[in-house]
Amino acid sequence: MDKIVLEDDARPTREAQRLLNPVMKEVVKKEALKLLEVGIVYPISDSKWVSPIHVVQKKSSITVARNEQNELIS
């Protein structure tokens, strides 16, 4: 487990939720559930330092998902 050393007067801040397009939202949800099932991540409900997920796509790869018409899109 990592520990982040903070200054004594550091206070938590609340960040706004970020919007995702519906296709990417489903991809992120499936990936998060997969990580939760294998125990890599775990839910935390009482931390003041939790921030929303920020999705950044890798430059070298693309994500393929199905849209409403069941077509594969990147």
PDB file of N, CA and C in Angstrom:
ATOM      1  N   MET A   1       0.845  -1.168   0.000  1.00  0.00           N
ATOM      2  CA  MET A   1       0.000   0.000   0.000  1.00  0.00           C
ATOM      3  C   MET A   1       0.889   1.229   0.000  1.00  0.00           C
ATOM      4  N   ASP A   2       0.541   2.219  -0.819  1.00  0.00           N
ATOM      5  CA  ASP A   2       1.301   3.457  -0.881  1.00  0.00           C
ATOM      6  C   ASP A   2       0.785   4.451   0.133  1.00  0.00           C
ATOM      7  N   LYS A   3       1.663   5.329   0.580  1.00  0.00           N
ATOM      8  CA  LYS A   3       1.267   6.387   1.491  1.00  0.00           C
ATOM      9  C   LYS A   3       1.712   7.713   0.900  1.00  0.00           C
ATOM     10  N   ILE A   4       0.830   8.676   0.856  1.00  0.00           N
ATOM     11  CA  ILE A   4       1.142  10.000   0.343  1.00  0.00           C
ATOM     12  C   ILE A   4       1.341  10.916   1.540  1.00  0.00           C
ATOM     13  N   VAL A   5       2.519  11.492   1.636  1.00  0.00           N
ATOM     14  CA  VAL A   5       2.829  12.382   2.747  1.00  0.00           C
ATOM     15  C   VAL A   5       2.288  13.770   2.405  1.00  0.00           C
ATOM     16  N   LEU A   6       1.444  14.295   3.271  1.00  0.00           N
ATOM     17  CA  LEU A   6       0.826  15.593   3.043  1.00  0.00           C
ATOM     18  C   LEU A   6       1.321  16.604   4.065  1.00  0.00           C
ATOM     19  N   GLU A   7       1.204  17.855   3.710  1.00  0.00           N
ATOM     20  CA  GLU A   7       1.530  18.909   4.666  1.00  0.00           C
ATOM     21  C   GLU A   7       0.475  18.915   5.763  1.00  0.00           C
ATOM     22  N   ASP A   8       0.826  19.456   6.913  1.00  0.00           N
ATOM     23  CA  ASP A   8      -0.077  19.446   8.061  1.00  0.00           C
ATOM     24  C   ASP A   8      -1.376  20.196   7.814  1.00  0.00           C
ATOM     25  N   ASP A   9      -1.334  21.261   7.032  1.00  0.00           N
ATOM     26  CA  ASP A   9      -2.542  22.064   6.810  1.00  0.00           C
ATOM     27  C   ASP A   9      -3.295  21.675   5.537  1.00  0.00           C
ATOM     28  N   ALA A  10      -2.986  20.536   4.925  1.00  0.00           N
ATOM     29  CA  ALA A  10      -3.667  20.096   3.704  1.00  0.00           C
ATOM     30  C   ALA A  10      -5.100  19.701   4.019  1.00  0.00           C
ATOM     31  N   ARG A  11      -6.019  20.147   3.160  1.00  0.00           N
ATOM     32  CA  ARG A  11      -7.431  19.811   3.333  1.00  0.00           C
ATOM     33  C   ARG A  11      -7.961  19.183   2.048  1.00  0.00           C
ATOM     34  N   PRO A  12      -8.878  18.229   2.160  1.00  0.00           N
ATOM     35  CA  PRO A  12      -9.439  17.604   0.958  1.00  0.00           C
ATOM     36  C   PRO A  12     -10.315  18.584   0.183  1.00  0.00           C
ATOM     37  N   THR A  13     -10.382  18.381  -1.116  1.00  0.00           N
ATOM     38  CA  THR A  13     -11.259  19.185  -1.968  1.00  0.00           C
ATOM     39  C   THR A  13     -12.191  18.251  -2.720  1.00  0.00           C
ATOM     40  N   ARG A  14     -13.305  18.771  -3.128  1.00  0.00           N
ATOM     41  CA  ARG A  14     -14.276  17.976  -3.875  1.00  0.00           C
ATOM     42  C   ARG A  14     -14.210  18.376  -5.342  1.00  0.00           C
ATOM     43  N   GLU A  15     -14.039  17.393  -6.213  1.00  0.00           N
ATOM     44  CA  GLU A  15     -13.981  17.645  -7.642  1.00  0.00           C
ATOM     45  C   GLU A  15     -15.326  17.328  -8.281  1.00  0.00           C
ATOM     46  N   ALA A  16     -15.624  18.039  -9.349  1.00  0.00           N
ATOM     47  CA  ALA A  16     -16.864  17.791 -10.087  1.00  0.00           C
ATOM     48  C   ALA A  16     -16.743  16.492 -10.879  1.00  0.00           C
ATOM     49  N   GLN A  17     -17.879  15.839 -11.119  1.00  0.00           N
ATOM     50  CA  GLN A  17     -17.871  14.624 -11.928  1.00  0.00           C
ATOM     51  C   GLN A  17     -17.587  14.981 -13.379  1.00  0.00           C
ATOM     52  N   ARG A  18     -16.902  14.090 -14.066  1.00  0.00           N
ATOM     53  CA  ARG A  18     -16.590  14.304 -15.476  1.00  0.00           C
ATOM     54  C   ARG A  18     -17.561  13.491 -16.318  1.00  0.00           C
ATOM     55  N   LEU A  19     -17.964  14.050 -17.444  1.00  0.00           N
ATOM     56  CA  LEU A  19     -18.898  13.368 -18.330  1.00  0.00           C
ATOM     57  C   LEU A  19     -18.148  12.488 -19.317  1.00  0.00           C
ATOM     58  N   LEU A  20     -18.708  11.326 -19.599  1.00  0.00           N
ATOM     59  CA  LEU A  20     -18.180  10.415 -20.612  1.00  0.00           C
ATOM     60  C   LEU A  20     -19.270  10.157 -21.634  1.00  0.00           C
ATOM     61  N   ASN A  21     -18.854   9.882 -22.872  1.00  0.00           N
ATOM     62  CA  ASN A  21     -19.873   9.492 -23.841  1.00  0.00           C
ATOM     63  C   ASN A  21     -20.387   8.104 -23.453  1.00  0.00           C
ATOM     64  N   PRO A  22     -21.618   7.772 -23.822  1.00  0.00           N
ATOM     65  CA  PRO A  22     -22.240   6.518 -23.360  1.00  0.00           C
ATOM     66  C   PRO A  22     -21.456   5.258 -23.708  1.00  0.00           C
ATOM     67  N   VAL A  23     -20.817   5.218 -24.862  1.00  0.00           N
ATOM     68  CA  VAL A  23     -20.059   4.029 -25.258  1.00  0.00           C
ATOM     69  C   VAL A  23     -18.849   3.859 -24.345  1.00  0.00           C
ATOM     70  N   MET A  24     -18.113   4.938 -24.127  1.00  0.00           N
ATOM     71  CA  MET A  24     -16.934   4.864 -23.275  1.00  0.00           C
ATOM     72  C   MET A  24     -17.323   4.591 -21.827  1.00  0.00           C
ATOM     73  N   LYS A  25     -18.482   5.084 -21.415  1.00  0.00           N
ATOM     74  CA  LYS A  25     -18.959   4.863 -20.049  1.00  0.00           C
ATOM     75  C   LYS A  25     -19.158   3.372 -19.790  1.00  0.00           C
ATOM     76  N   GLU A  26     -19.715   2.660 -20.754  1.00  0.00           N
ATOM     77  CA  GLU A  26     -19.918   1.210 -20.612  1.00  0.00           C
ATOM     78  C   GLU A  26     -18.588   0.475 -20.550  1.00  0.00           C
ATOM     79  N   VAL A  27     -17.612   0.899 -21.365  1.00  0.00           N
ATOM     80  CA  VAL A  27     -16.291   0.265 -21.366  1.00  0.00           C
ATOM     81  C   VAL A  27     -15.630   0.455 -20.004  1.00  0.00           C
ATOM     82  N   VAL A  28     -15.708   1.672 -19.461  1.00  0.00           N
ATOM     83  CA  VAL A  28     -15.105   1.967 -18.160  1.00  0.00           C
ATOM     84  C   VAL A  28     -15.795   1.174 -17.057  1.00  0.00           C
ATOM     85  N   LYS A  29     -17.132   1.073 -17.130  1.00  0.00           N
ATOM     86  CA  LYS A  29     -17.882   0.339 -16.121  1.00  0.00           C
ATOM     87  C   LYS A  29     -17.489  -1.139 -16.105  1.00  0.00           C
ATOM     88  N   LYS A  30     -17.375  -1.751 -17.290  1.00  0.00           N
ATOM     89  CA  LYS A  30     -16.984  -3.152 -17.375  1.00  0.00           C
ATOM     90  C   LYS A  30     -15.572  -3.366 -16.842  1.00  0.00           C
ATOM     91  N   GLU A  31     -14.662  -2.458 -17.176  1.00  0.00           N
ATOM     92  CA  GLU A  31     -13.285  -2.588 -16.709  1.00  0.00           C
ATOM     93  C   GLU A  31     -13.201  -2.416 -15.194  1.00  0.00           C
ATOM     94  N   ALA A  32     -13.947  -1.476 -14.640  1.00  0.00           N
ATOM     95  CA  ALA A  32     -13.948  -1.260 -13.192  1.00  0.00           C
ATOM     96  C   ALA A  32     -14.518  -2.471 -12.459  1.00  0.00           C
ATOM     97  N   LEU A  33     -15.597  -3.048 -12.976  1.00  0.00           N
ATOM     98  CA  LEU A  33     -16.177  -4.240 -12.361  1.00  0.00           C
ATOM     99  C   LEU A  33     -15.219  -5.425 -12.421  1.00  0.00           C
ATOM    100  N   LYS A  34     -14.486  -5.541 -13.532  1.00  0.00           N
ATOM    101  CA  LYS A  34     -13.510  -6.616 -13.667  1.00  0.00           C
ATOM    102  C   LYS A  34     -12.391  -6.454 -12.622  1.00  0.00           C
ATOM    103  N   LEU A  35     -11.892  -5.226 -12.440  1.00  0.00           N
ATOM    104  CA  LEU A  35     -10.849  -4.976 -11.445  1.00  0.00           C
ATOM    105  C   LEU A  35     -11.365  -5.197 -10.029  1.00  0.00           C
ATOM    106  N   LEU A  36     -12.634  -4.881  -9.794  1.00  0.00           N
ATOM    107  CA  LEU A  36     -13.246  -5.089  -8.488  1.00  0.00           C
ATOM    108  C   LEU A  36     -13.360  -6.584  -8.168  1.00  0.00           C
ATOM    109  N   GLU A  37     -13.745  -7.378  -9.161  1.00  0.00           N
ATOM    110  CA  GLU A  37     -13.919  -8.824  -8.961  1.00  0.00           C
ATOM    111  C   GLU A  37     -12.609  -9.527  -8.606  1.00  0.00           C
ATOM    112  N   VAL A  38     -11.506  -9.124  -9.235  1.00  0.00           N
ATOM    113  CA  VAL A  38     -10.230  -9.799  -8.979  1.00  0.00           C
ATOM    114  C   VAL A  38      -9.491  -9.220  -7.779  1.00  0.00           C
ATOM    115  N   GLY A  39     -10.015  -8.165  -7.188  1.00  0.00           N
ATOM    116  CA  GLY A  39      -9.436  -7.628  -5.962  1.00  0.00           C
ATOM    117  C   GLY A  39      -8.339  -6.601  -6.142  1.00  0.00           C
ATOM    118  N   ILE A  40      -8.161  -6.089  -7.357  1.00  0.00           N
ATOM    119  CA  ILE A  40      -7.143  -5.056  -7.580  1.00  0.00           C
ATOM    120  C   ILE A  40      -7.590  -3.732  -6.977  1.00  0.00           C
ATOM    121  N   VAL A  41      -8.877  -3.423  -7.083  1.00  0.00           N
ATOM    122  CA  VAL A  41      -9.444  -2.216  -6.474  1.00  0.00           C
ATOM    123  C   VAL A  41     -10.522  -2.643  -5.490  1.00  0.00           C
ATOM    124  N   TYR A  42     -10.875  -1.748  -4.583  1.00  0.00           N
ATOM    125  CA  TYR A  42     -11.940  -2.035  -3.631  1.00  0.00           C
ATOM    126  C   TYR A  42     -12.708  -0.753  -3.349  1.00  0.00           C
ATOM    127  N   PRO A  43     -13.985  -0.877  -2.985  1.00  0.00           N
ATOM    128  CA  PRO A  43     -14.807   0.319  -2.755  1.00  0.00           C
ATOM    129  C   PRO A  43     -14.430   1.026  -1.455  1.00  0.00           C
ATOM    130  N   ILE A  44     -14.460   2.350  -1.496  1.00  0.00           N
ATOM    131  CA  ILE A  44     -14.224   3.173  -0.309  1.00  0.00           C
ATOM    132  C   ILE A  44     -15.355   4.197  -0.261  1.00  0.00           C
ATOM    133  N   SER A  45     -16.044   4.265   0.860  1.00  0.00           N
ATOM    134  CA  SER A  45     -17.149   5.209   0.951  1.00  0.00           C
ATOM    135  C   SER A  45     -16.905   6.318   1.957  1.00  0.00           C
ATOM    136  N   ASP A  46     -15.859   6.189   2.766  1.00  0.00           N
ATOM    137  CA  ASP A  46     -15.675   7.165   3.838  1.00  0.00           C
ATOM    138  C   ASP A  46     -14.426   8.029   3.702  1.00  0.00           C
ATOM    139  N   SER A  47     -13.747   7.991   2.572  1.00  0.00           N
ATOM    140  CA  SER A  47     -12.531   8.776   2.398  1.00  0.00           C
ATOM    141  C   SER A  47     -12.858  10.183   1.900  1.00  0.00           C
ATOM    142  N   LYS A  48     -12.204  11.178   2.470  1.00  0.00           N
ATOM    143  CA  LYS A  48     -12.389  12.560   2.018  1.00  0.00           C
ATOM    144  C   LYS A  48     -11.530  12.854   0.804  1.00  0.00           C
ATOM    145  N   TRP A  49     -10.623  11.952   0.444  1.00  0.00           N
ATOM    146  CA  TRP A  49      -9.661  12.206  -0.624  1.00  0.00           C
ATOM    147  C   TRP A  49      -9.995  11.462  -1.929  1.00  0.00           C
ATOM    148  N   VAL A  50     -11.150  10.871  -2.028  1.00  0.00           N
ATOM    149  CA  VAL A  50     -11.530  10.144  -3.236  1.00  0.00           C
ATOM    150  C   VAL A  50     -11.881  11.147  -4.337  1.00  0.00           C
ATOM    151  N   SER A  51     -11.407  10.891  -5.538  1.00  0.00           N
ATOM    152  CA  SER A  51     -11.723  11.757  -6.673  1.00  0.00           C
ATOM    153  C   SER A  51     -12.331  10.930  -7.792  1.00  0.00           C
ATOM    154  N   PRO A  52     -13.048  11.546  -8.712  1.00  0.00           N
ATOM    155  CA  PRO A  52     -13.682  10.799  -9.796  1.00  0.00           C
ATOM    156  C   PRO A  52     -12.656  10.202 -10.760  1.00  0.00           C
ATOM    157  N   ILE A  53     -13.094   9.194 -11.478  1.00  0.00           N
ATOM    158  CA  ILE A  53     -12.243   8.552 -12.477  1.00  0.00           C
ATOM    159  C   ILE A  53     -12.034   9.502 -13.640  1.00  0.00           C
ATOM    160  N   HIS A  54     -10.810   9.566 -14.123  1.00  0.00           N
ATOM    161  CA  HIS A  54     -10.501  10.369 -15.312  1.00  0.00           C
ATOM    162  C   HIS A  54      -9.925   9.425 -16.352  1.00  0.00           C
ATOM    163  N   VAL A  55     -10.621   9.253 -17.474  1.00  0.00           N
ATOM    164  CA  VAL A  55     -10.228   8.291 -18.502  1.00  0.00           C
ATOM    165  C   VAL A  55      -9.317   8.975 -19.511  1.00  0.00           C
ATOM    166  N   VAL A  56      -8.153   8.382 -19.731  1.00  0.00           N
ATOM    167  CA  VAL A  56      -7.213   8.878 -20.728  1.00  0.00           C
ATOM    168  C   VAL A  56      -6.874   7.716 -21.640  1.00  0.00           C
ATOM    169  N   GLN A  57      -7.135   7.893 -22.925  1.00  0.00           N
ATOM    170  CA  GLN A  57      -6.875   6.823 -23.880  1.00  0.00           C
ATOM    171  C   GLN A  57      -5.394   6.808 -24.250  1.00  0.00           C
ATOM    172  N   LYS A  58      -4.818   5.621 -24.374  1.00  0.00           N
ATOM    173  CA  LYS A  58      -3.425   5.487 -24.757  1.00  0.00           C
ATOM    174  C   LYS A  58      -3.239   5.942 -26.198  1.00  0.00           C
ATOM    175  N   LYS A  59      -2.089   6.536 -26.487  1.00  0.00           N
ATOM    176  CA  LYS A  59      -1.804   7.009 -27.839  1.00  0.00           C
ATOM    177  C   LYS A  59      -1.596   5.855 -28.808  1.00  0.00           C
ATOM    178  N   SER A  60      -1.064   4.743 -28.313  1.00  0.00           N
ATOM    179  CA  SER A  60      -0.677   3.648 -29.191  1.00  0.00           C
ATOM    180  C   SER A  60      -1.786   2.633 -29.453  1.00  0.00           C
ATOM    181  N   SER A  61      -2.945   2.800 -28.838  1.00  0.00           N
ATOM    182  CA  SER A  61      -3.987   1.796 -29.037  1.00  0.00           C
ATOM    183  C   SER A  61      -5.349   2.463 -29.162  1.00  0.00           C
ATOM    184  N   ILE A  62      -6.320   1.692 -29.652  1.00  0.00           N
ATOM    185  CA  ILE A  62      -7.683   2.186 -29.742  1.00  0.00           C
ATOM    186  C   ILE A  62      -8.603   1.231 -28.998  1.00  0.00           C
ATOM    187  N   THR A  63      -9.710   1.750 -28.543  1.00  0.00           N
ATOM    188  CA  THR A  63     -10.717   0.939 -27.879  1.00  0.00           C
ATOM    189  C   THR A  63     -11.859   0.712 -28.858  1.00  0.00           C
ATOM    190  N   VAL A  64     -12.297  -0.518 -28.976  1.00  0.00           N
ATOM    191  CA  VAL A  64     -13.397  -0.847 -29.876  1.00  0.00           C
ATOM    192  C   VAL A  64     -14.591  -1.271 -29.031  1.00  0.00           C
ATOM    193  N   ALA A  65     -15.756  -0.693 -29.329  1.00  0.00           N
ATOM    194  CA  ALA A  65     -16.978  -1.020 -28.605  1.00  0.00           C
ATOM    195  C   ALA A  65     -18.143  -1.038 -29.583  1.00  0.00           C
ATOM    196  N   ARG A  66     -19.260  -1.602 -29.154  1.00  0.00           N
ATOM    197  CA  ARG A  66     -20.467  -1.645 -29.984  1.00  0.00           C
ATOM    198  C   ARG A  66     -21.371  -0.466 -29.643  1.00  0.00           C
ATOM    199  N   ASN A  67     -21.973   0.129 -30.681  1.00  0.00           N
ATOM    200  CA  ASN A  67     -22.919   1.228 -30.445  1.00  0.00           C
ATOM    201  C   ASN A  67     -24.336   0.670 -30.415  1.00  0.00           C
ATOM    202  N   GLU A  68     -25.332   1.580 -30.438  1.00  0.00           N
ATOM    203  CA  GLU A  68     -26.737   1.174 -30.342  1.00  0.00           C
ATOM    204  C   GLU A  68     -27.190   0.291 -31.497  1.00  0.00           C
ATOM    205  N   GLN A  69     -26.572   0.461 -32.670  1.00  0.00           N
ATOM    206  CA  GLN A  69     -26.927  -0.352 -33.845  1.00  0.00           C
ATOM    207  C   GLN A  69     -26.095  -1.628 -33.924  1.00  0.00           C
ATOM    208  N   ASN A  70     -25.391  -1.973 -32.829  1.00  0.00           N
ATOM    209  CA  ASN A  70     -24.566  -3.166 -32.750  1.00  0.00           C
ATOM    210  C   ASN A  70     -23.405  -3.144 -33.734  1.00  0.00           C
ATOM    211  N   GLU A  71     -22.908  -1.945 -34.077  1.00  0.00           N
ATOM    212  CA  GLU A  71     -21.768  -1.799 -34.965  1.00  0.00           C
ATOM    213  C   GLU A  71     -20.517  -1.561 -34.112  1.00  0.00           C
ATOM    214  N   LEU A  72     -19.386  -2.063 -34.585  1.00  0.00           N
ATOM    215  CA  LEU A  72     -18.131  -1.830 -33.868  1.00  0.00           C
ATOM    216  C   LEU A  72     -17.609  -0.444 -34.232  1.00  0.00           C
ATOM    217  N   ILE A  73     -17.291   0.330 -33.215  1.00  0.00           N
ATOM    218  CA  ILE A  73     -16.723   1.670 -33.423  1.00  0.00           C
ATOM    219  C   ILE A  73     -15.485   1.822 -32.562  1.00  0.00           C
ATOM    220  N   SER A  74     -14.591   2.692 -32.975  1.00  0.00           N
ATOM    221  CA  SER A  74     -13.385   2.923 -32.172  1.00  0.00           C
ATOM    222  C   SER A  74     -13.599   4.071 -31.217  1.00  0.00           C
TER     223      SER A  74
END
